[in-house]
Amino acid sequence: MVADSIPWSRKAQKAALEALHNASATKNQDGEAGWVSCFESFLIFHEEAVQAVTNIEAT
């Protein structure tokens, strides 16, 4: 159902915005620590996006 997928869609959007925010903040950081933080944020976003799509497909 579409209504069931809306919360998952919102969660995925929130994760994407957070990852974008973190990536923007990383531009101002120097060194490897900034890139590691950015990559970790991307991995969290990817995991949440995959879970959201899986849940949408299951409904």
Protein backbone atom coordinates (compact mmCIF):
# COMPACT_ATOMS: atom_id res chain seq x y z
CA MET A 1 0.00 0.00 0.00
CA VAL A 2 1.10 3.53 -0.73
CA ALA A 3 0.13 4.76 2.73
CA ASP A 4 2.44 2.18 4.31
CA SER A 5 5.40 3.31 2.20
CA ILE A 6 5.16 7.00 3.14
CA PRO A 7 6.93 6.66 6.53
CA TRP A 8 9.77 4.72 4.89
CA SER A 9 10.03 7.30 2.13
CA ARG A 10 10.27 10.09 4.70
CA LYS A 11 12.92 8.17 6.64
CA ALA A 12 14.97 7.72 3.46
CA GLN A 13 14.62 11.43 2.64
CA LYS A 14 15.77 12.36 6.13
CA ALA A 15 18.78 10.07 5.83
CA ALA A 16 19.66 11.56 2.44
CA LEU A 17 19.45 15.12 3.76
CA GLU A 18 21.59 14.21 6.76
CA ALA A 19 24.21 12.59 4.52
CA LEU A 20 24.23 15.68 2.29
CA HIS A 21 24.62 17.94 5.31
CA ASN A 22 27.50 15.82 6.62
CA ALA A 23 29.17 15.81 3.21
CA SER A 24 28.93 19.59 3.04
CA ALA A 25 30.45 19.88 6.51
CA THR A 26 33.23 17.51 5.47
CA LYS A 27 34.33 19.93 2.75
CA ASN A 28 35.53 22.20 5.55
CA GLN A 29 37.51 19.48 7.33
CA ASP A 30 41.09 18.67 6.53
CA GLY A 31 42.70 15.30 6.28
CA GLU A 32 41.58 11.73 6.25
CA ALA A 33 39.25 12.05 9.26
CA GLY A 34 36.83 14.20 7.25
CA TRP A 35 36.62 11.69 4.41
CA VAL A 36 36.19 8.79 6.80
CA SER A 37 33.31 10.60 8.49
CA CYS A 38 31.72 11.35 5.11
CA PHE A 39 32.04 7.73 3.97
CA GLU A 40 30.58 6.43 7.23
CA SER A 41 27.61 8.78 6.76
CA PHE A 42 27.15 7.47 3.24
CA LEU A 43 27.18 3.87 4.45
CA ILE A 44 24.50 4.67 7.04
CA PHE A 45 22.44 6.42 4.36
CA HIS A 46 22.85 3.50 1.97
CA GLU A 47 21.78 0.98 4.61
CA GLU A 48 18.69 3.03 5.49
CA ALA A 49 17.81 3.55 1.82
CA VAL A 50 18.09 -0.17 1.07
CA GLN A 51 15.92 -0.96 4.09
CA ALA A 52 13.32 1.61 3.01
CA VAL A 53 13.15 0.19 -0.52
CA THR A 54 12.92 -3.35 0.86
CA ASN A 55 10.03 -2.33 3.12
CA ILE A 56 8.25 -0.51 0.29
CA GLU A 57 8.57 -3.55 -1.97
CA ALA A 58 7.23 -5.80 0.78
CA THR A 59 4.01 -3.80 1.11
